[in-house]
Amino acid sequence: MTSRNVSRFWEWGKKIICVGRNYADHAKELNNAVPTEPVLFLKTPSAYLTEGSPILIPKYSNSVHHEIELGVVIGKGGTAIPQSSAMQHVAGYALCLDMTARDVQDDCKSKGLPWTLAKAFNTSCPVSEFIPKERIPDPGNVKIWLKVNGQMRQNGCTSQMIFSIPFLISYISEIITLEEGDLILTGTPKGVSAVQVHDELHAGIDDVVSMTFKVGRL
């Protein structure tokens, strides 16, 4: 399916396309309306972070939140991909964190400004090792969890998503051509909260993958 080593997508993938408010309980916990169509935003490839390096809170934020998500790694590009064939474009998955400068996001939202400062800073997209497609036969029923310093903060299932992965691939590809190595972040369940310097974040999909990151500050 792929011409490059998609298992290291973070080294050469061009785009990180994120879906906001794709779990109703998460939308509600932040006092947002439950969307009737996907809410999209972007991160840059410089946001990628792999295990062994710390998540760095940017200087301009005092409230960075964790958001655990299932990421979809694109293996075959396309435009206007039908839902019926969308999964043929998936190479595999990754467990991901959408680190969010919540104070900055709230300020941007109040002023009607884009979320870039809140979402796209360096180290804002920690990712696990690549998960081959066959290891997650039903991406619509995957339990994802995150602990901070050993305490469970998020524990949800992709069955709670408002918009399914095939729908998201089709919807996004109507607007933005998907390319090999692109990553789609599919949204986070409830339980987001702020992290502090020296915190340890441990997240996983049982029997599939786990990852651990420490928090630092620029």
Protein backbone atom coordinates (compact mmCIF):
# COMPACT_ATOMS: atom_id res chain seq x y z
CA MET A 1 0.00 0.00 0.00
CA THR A 2 2.79 2.41 0.88
CA SER A 3 6.02 3.48 -0.76
CA ARG A 4 7.69 4.83 2.40
CA ASN A 5 8.07 3.48 5.92
CA VAL A 6 4.66 4.48 7.24
CA SER A 7 5.55 3.06 10.65
CA ARG A 8 7.65 6.21 11.13
CA PHE A 9 4.99 8.58 9.80
CA TRP A 10 5.99 11.31 12.27
CA GLU A 11 9.32 11.75 10.49
CA TRP A 12 7.88 12.66 7.10
CA GLY A 13 4.08 13.01 7.24
CA LYS A 14 2.93 16.44 6.08
CA LYS A 15 -0.28 17.05 8.01
CA ILE A 16 -1.95 16.48 11.37
CA ILE A 17 -5.69 17.01 10.95
CA CYS A 18 -7.58 17.17 14.22
CA VAL A 19 -11.26 16.71 14.99
CA GLY A 20 -12.59 18.71 17.93
CA ARG A 21 -15.60 17.92 20.09
CA ASN A 22 -16.12 14.45 18.64
CA TYR A 23 -17.24 13.04 22.00
CA ALA A 24 -20.44 14.61 23.32
CA ASP A 25 -19.41 14.37 26.99
CA HIS A 26 -16.15 16.19 26.26
CA ALA A 27 -17.96 18.96 24.39
CA LYS A 28 -20.29 19.35 27.36
CA GLU A 29 -17.51 19.39 29.98
CA LEU A 30 -16.06 22.47 28.24
CA ASN A 31 -19.50 24.06 27.84
CA ASN A 32 -19.44 23.69 24.07
CA ALA A 33 -22.39 22.77 21.88
CA VAL A 34 -22.39 19.22 20.55
CA PRO A 35 -21.50 19.64 16.86
CA THR A 36 -23.68 18.63 13.95
CA GLU A 37 -20.65 18.42 11.62
CA PRO A 38 -16.97 17.85 12.36
CA VAL A 39 -14.93 20.69 13.90
CA LEU A 40 -11.50 20.66 12.22
CA PHE A 41 -8.19 22.27 13.08
CA LEU A 42 -4.56 21.57 12.20
CA LYS A 43 -1.26 20.90 13.92
CA THR A 44 2.08 21.20 12.16
CA PRO A 45 4.52 18.28 11.83
CA SER A 46 6.84 20.06 14.31
CA ALA A 47 4.22 19.23 16.97
CA TYR A 48 5.17 15.54 16.82
CA LEU A 49 6.84 14.03 19.89
CA THR A 50 7.90 10.45 20.52
CA GLU A 51 8.72 8.71 23.78
CA GLY A 52 11.95 9.74 25.43
CA SER A 53 11.48 13.49 25.07
CA PRO A 54 9.32 15.70 27.33
CA ILE A 55 6.11 17.54 26.59
CA LEU A 56 7.04 21.21 26.95
CA ILE A 57 4.49 23.71 28.25
CA PRO A 58 4.90 26.88 26.14
CA LYS A 59 6.00 30.08 27.86
CA TYR A 60 2.73 31.83 27.06
CA SER A 61 0.44 29.29 28.76
CA ASN A 62 -0.32 28.44 32.38
CA SER A 63 -2.94 25.77 31.71
CA VAL A 64 -2.04 22.97 29.28
CA HIS A 65 -4.53 20.10 29.17
CA HIS A 66 -4.09 16.47 28.10
CA GLU A 67 -6.47 15.03 25.50
CA ILE A 68 -5.99 11.32 24.69
CA GLU A 69 -7.06 10.31 21.18
CA LEU A 70 -6.95 7.50 18.65
CA GLY A 71 -4.96 8.64 15.65
CA VAL A 72 -5.56 7.30 12.14
CA VAL A 73 -2.49 7.04 9.90
CA ILE A 74 -3.23 7.41 6.19
CA GLY A 75 -1.54 4.88 3.93
CA LYS A 76 -3.10 5.77 0.59
CA GLY A 77 -3.99 9.34 -0.33
CA GLY A 78 -7.11 10.59 -2.00
CA THR A 79 -9.63 13.36 -2.55
CA ALA A 80 -13.39 13.00 -2.02
CA ILE A 81 -13.00 9.47 -0.68
CA PRO A 82 -16.34 7.64 -0.33
CA GLN A 83 -17.19 6.34 3.13
CA SER A 84 -17.63 2.88 1.63
CA SER A 85 -13.94 2.66 0.71
CA ALA A 86 -12.48 4.96 3.35
CA MET A 87 -10.88 2.20 5.42
CA GLN A 88 -8.86 1.09 2.39
CA HIS A 89 -6.90 4.34 2.82
CA VAL A 90 -5.88 3.52 6.42
CA ALA A 91 -2.41 2.07 7.02
CA GLY A 92 -2.75 1.84 10.77
CA TYR A 93 -3.18 3.79 13.98
CA ALA A 94 -1.35 5.51 16.80
CA LEU A 95 -2.30 6.50 20.31
CA CYS A 96 -1.93 10.27 20.45
CA LEU A 97 -2.14 13.24 22.77
CA ASP A 98 -3.62 16.54 21.65
CA MET A 99 -1.94 18.81 24.17
CA THR A 100 -3.94 22.02 24.41
CA ALA A 101 -3.09 25.38 25.96
CA ARG A 102 -6.58 25.76 27.36
CA ASP A 103 -6.17 29.29 28.70
CA VAL A 104 -4.95 30.43 25.30
CA GLN A 105 -7.73 28.55 23.51
CA ASP A 106 -10.37 30.16 25.72
CA ASP A 107 -8.91 33.58 24.99
CA CYS A 108 -8.83 32.90 21.25
CA LYS A 109 -12.42 31.65 21.30
CA SER A 110 -13.60 34.77 23.16
CA LYS A 111 -12.00 36.97 20.49
CA GLY A 112 -13.09 34.87 17.52
CA LEU A 113 -9.48 34.04 16.68
CA PRO A 114 -7.98 30.76 15.37
CA TRP A 115 -6.74 28.15 17.85
CA THR A 116 -3.22 27.82 16.40
CA LEU A 117 -1.35 29.12 19.46
CA ALA A 118 -3.32 26.77 21.68
CA LYS A 119 -3.01 23.64 19.57
CA ALA A 120 0.04 23.67 17.27
CA PHE A 121 2.97 24.48 19.55
CA ASN A 122 6.06 22.25 19.49
CA THR A 123 5.59 18.94 21.37
CA SER A 124 1.78 19.31 21.31
CA CYS A 125 1.26 15.97 19.53
CA PRO A 126 2.92 13.10 21.43
CA VAL A 127 2.43 9.80 19.61
CA SER A 128 2.92 6.12 20.37
CA GLU A 129 4.62 3.64 18.13
CA PHE A 130 2.74 2.83 14.92
CA ILE A 131 -0.06 0.28 15.33
CA PRO A 132 -0.57 -1.90 12.23
CA LYS A 133 -4.13 -1.90 10.95
CA GLU A 134 -4.68 -5.59 11.69
CA ARG A 135 -4.03 -5.05 15.41
CA ILE A 136 -7.20 -2.95 15.68
CA PRO A 137 -9.83 -4.84 13.68
CA ASP A 138 -12.66 -2.58 14.89
CA PRO A 139 -11.47 1.02 15.32
CA GLY A 140 -15.01 1.98 16.20
CA ASN A 141 -14.77 0.07 19.49
CA VAL A 142 -11.38 0.84 21.03
CA LYS A 143 -10.93 1.67 24.71
CA ILE A 144 -8.38 4.42 25.31
CA TRP A 145 -7.20 5.65 28.70
CA LEU A 146 -4.79 8.09 30.29
CA LYS A 147 -3.34 8.33 33.79
CA VAL A 148 -1.50 11.28 35.34
CA ASN A 149 0.92 10.28 38.09
CA GLY A 150 -0.86 6.94 38.33
CA GLN A 151 -4.38 8.38 38.66
CA MET A 152 -6.92 7.66 35.92
CA ARG A 153 -8.03 10.89 34.23
CA GLN A 154 -9.54 9.73 30.93
CA ASN A 155 -11.13 6.38 30.16
CA GLY A 156 -13.32 6.23 27.09
CA CYS A 157 -14.17 4.23 24.00
CA THR A 158 -14.22 5.21 20.34
CA SER A 159 -17.78 3.84 20.19
CA GLN A 160 -18.69 7.14 21.90
CA MET A 161 -17.50 9.21 18.93
CA ILE A 162 -20.13 11.34 17.23
CA PHE A 163 -18.55 10.96 13.78
CA SER A 164 -17.07 7.60 12.75
CA ILE A 165 -13.63 7.14 11.23
CA PRO A 166 -14.96 6.34 7.71
CA PHE A 167 -17.16 9.44 7.88
CA LEU A 168 -14.24 11.61 9.02
CA ILE A 169 -11.94 10.35 6.26
CA SER A 170 -14.61 11.06 3.66
CA TYR A 171 -15.53 14.46 5.12
CA ILE A 172 -11.94 15.66 5.50
CA SER A 173 -10.90 14.46 2.04
CA GLU A 174 -13.66 16.54 0.44
CA ILE A 175 -11.91 19.64 1.84
CA ILE A 176 -8.25 18.65 2.22
CA THR A 177 -6.60 16.05 0.01
CA LEU A 178 -5.28 13.28 2.23
CA GLU A 179 -1.74 12.08 1.61
CA GLU A 180 0.29 9.09 2.69
CA GLY A 181 1.65 9.68 6.19
CA ASP A 182 -1.04 12.14 7.24
CA LEU A 183 -2.45 11.69 10.74
CA ILE A 184 -6.08 12.26 11.73
CA LEU A 185 -6.76 12.83 15.43
CA THR A 186 -10.30 11.62 16.06
CA GLY A 187 -11.24 13.49 19.25
CA THR A 188 -10.99 12.94 22.99
CA PRO A 189 -13.35 11.54 25.62
CA LYS A 190 -14.24 13.46 28.78
CA GLY A 191 -11.84 13.95 31.67
CA VAL A 192 -9.38 16.48 30.26
CA SER A 193 -7.45 18.45 32.86
CA ALA A 194 -4.31 20.52 33.34
CA VAL A 195 -0.85 19.03 33.66
CA GLN A 196 2.03 20.38 35.74
CA VAL A 197 5.79 20.34 35.32
CA HIS A 198 7.23 16.94 36.38
CA ASP A 199 3.89 15.14 35.88
CA GLU A 200 4.08 11.72 34.26
CA LEU A 201 1.43 10.85 31.67
CA HIS A 202 0.84 7.17 30.98
CA ALA A 203 -1.68 6.20 28.32
CA GLY A 204 -2.71 3.07 26.52
CA ILE A 205 -4.95 0.76 24.59
CA ASP A 206 -5.05 -2.46 26.59
CA ASP A 207 -3.15 -5.35 24.96
CA VAL A 208 -2.18 -3.11 22.02
CA VAL A 209 0.06 -0.19 22.99
CA SER A 210 1.10 2.10 25.83
CA MET A 211 3.23 5.23 26.10
CA THR A 212 4.68 7.44 28.82
CA PHE A 213 5.69 11.10 28.73
CA LYS A 214 7.04 13.52 31.32
CA VAL A 215 6.03 17.19 31.38
CA GLY A 216 8.50 20.06 31.31
CA ARG A 217 8.42 23.76 30.46
CA LEU A 218 10.15 25.96 27.94
